[in-house]
Amino acid sequence: MKTYTCELCGYVYNPGEGDPDNGIAPNTDFEDLPEDWVCPLCGASKEDFSAEETEEEEA
């Protein structure tokens, strides 16, 4: 599974968890987030996130 890390503050978006505090349901892929979605911690845009592979997928 991929997670997405904010390069500015380190917040990790996990698609399995979503972002319920901001109306994003669990199992919402990063690519399916609204274009105006921002990091809930620092307000960075989607362009400021980088994809990370979790160990589950590497195994």
C-alpha atoms as a PDB file:
ATOM      1  CA  MET A   1       0.000   0.000   0.000  1.00  0.00           C
ATOM      2  CA  LYS A   2       1.220   3.499  -0.735  1.00  0.00           C
ATOM      3  CA  THR A   3       1.065   6.324   1.738  1.00  0.00           C
ATOM      4  CA  TYR A   4       1.707   9.960   0.911  1.00  0.00           C
ATOM      5  CA  THR A   5       3.947  12.174   3.020  1.00  0.00           C
ATOM      6  CA  CYS A   6       3.774  15.958   3.161  1.00  0.00           C
ATOM      7  CA  GLU A   7       7.240  17.224   2.308  1.00  0.00           C
ATOM      8  CA  LEU A   8       6.672  20.367   4.387  1.00  0.00           C
ATOM      9  CA  CYS A   9       5.485  19.000   7.743  1.00  0.00           C
ATOM     10  CA  GLY A  10       5.704  15.197   7.589  1.00  0.00           C
ATOM     11  CA  TYR A  11       1.948  14.480   7.763  1.00  0.00           C
ATOM     12  CA  VAL A  12       1.208  11.044   6.292  1.00  0.00           C
ATOM     13  CA  TYR A  13      -1.968  10.526   4.263  1.00  0.00           C
ATOM     14  CA  ASN A  14      -2.991   6.880   4.466  1.00  0.00           C
ATOM     15  CA  PRO A  15      -5.671   6.017   1.867  1.00  0.00           C
ATOM     16  CA  GLY A  16      -6.994   3.231   4.105  1.00  0.00           C
ATOM     17  CA  GLU A  17      -7.775   5.772   6.823  1.00  0.00           C
ATOM     18  CA  GLY A  18      -8.758   8.709   4.620  1.00  0.00           C
ATOM     19  CA  ASP A  19      -9.112  12.123   6.259  1.00  0.00           C
ATOM     20  CA  PRO A  20     -12.454  11.916   8.086  1.00  0.00           C
ATOM     21  CA  ASP A  21     -11.952  15.266   9.844  1.00  0.00           C
ATOM     22  CA  ASN A  22     -12.046  16.892   6.393  1.00  0.00           C
ATOM     23  CA  GLY A  23     -14.771  14.762   4.808  1.00  0.00           C
ATOM     24  CA  ILE A  24     -12.503  12.228   3.072  1.00  0.00           C
ATOM     25  CA  ALA A  25     -13.828   8.693   3.528  1.00  0.00           C
ATOM     26  CA  PRO A  26     -11.557   5.726   4.298  1.00  0.00           C
ATOM     27  CA  ASN A  27     -10.240   3.903   1.204  1.00  0.00           C
ATOM     28  CA  THR A  28     -10.045   7.123  -0.836  1.00  0.00           C
ATOM     29  CA  ASP A  29      -6.995   6.969  -3.110  1.00  0.00           C
ATOM     30  CA  PHE A  30      -4.709  10.004  -3.057  1.00  0.00           C
ATOM     31  CA  GLU A  31      -5.369  10.529  -6.751  1.00  0.00           C
ATOM     32  CA  ASP A  32      -9.106  10.741  -6.004  1.00  0.00           C
ATOM     33  CA  LEU A  33      -8.774  13.508  -3.422  1.00  0.00           C
ATOM     34  CA  PRO A  34     -10.362  16.794  -4.525  1.00  0.00           C
ATOM     35  CA  GLU A  35      -7.920  19.141  -6.246  1.00  0.00           C
ATOM     36  CA  ASP A  36      -8.473  21.703  -3.478  1.00  0.00           C
ATOM     37  CA  TRP A  37      -7.668  19.223  -0.668  1.00  0.00           C
ATOM     38  CA  VAL A  38      -4.787  20.429   1.499  1.00  0.00           C
ATOM     39  CA  CYS A  39      -2.646  18.939   4.235  1.00  0.00           C
ATOM     40  CA  PRO A  40      -4.706  19.042   7.430  1.00  0.00           C
ATOM     41  CA  LEU A  41      -1.646  20.065   9.474  1.00  0.00           C
ATOM     42  CA  CYS A  42       0.078  22.755   7.420  1.00  0.00           C
ATOM     43  CA  GLY A  43      -2.225  23.529   4.476  1.00  0.00           C
ATOM     44  CA  ALA A  44       0.201  22.311   1.787  1.00  0.00           C
ATOM     45  CA  SER A  45      -1.280  21.368  -1.582  1.00  0.00           C
ATOM     46  CA  LYS A  46      -1.320  17.873  -3.092  1.00  0.00           C
ATOM     47  CA  GLU A  47       1.786  18.752  -5.125  1.00  0.00           C
ATOM     48  CA  ASP A  48       3.759  18.939  -1.871  1.00  0.00           C
ATOM     49  CA  PHE A  49       3.201  15.240  -1.108  1.00  0.00           C
ATOM     50  CA  SER A  50       5.412  12.352  -2.141  1.00  0.00           C
ATOM     51  CA  ALA A  51       4.406   8.692  -2.434  1.00  0.00           C
ATOM     52  CA  GLU A  52       5.992   6.185  -0.088  1.00  0.00           C
ATOM     53  CA  GLU A  53       5.790   2.407  -0.286  1.00  0.00           C
ATOM     54  CA  THR A  54       4.883   0.707   2.972  1.00  0.00           C
ATOM     55  CA  GLU A  55       6.678  -2.452   4.052  1.00  0.00           C
ATOM     56  CA  GLU A  56       3.492  -4.495   3.583  1.00  0.00           C
ATOM     57  CA  GLU A  57       3.681  -4.020  -0.178  1.00  0.00           C
ATOM     58  CA  GLU A  58       7.441  -4.629  -0.357  1.00  0.00           C
ATOM     59  CA  ALA A  59       7.194  -8.007   1.346  1.00  0.00           C
END
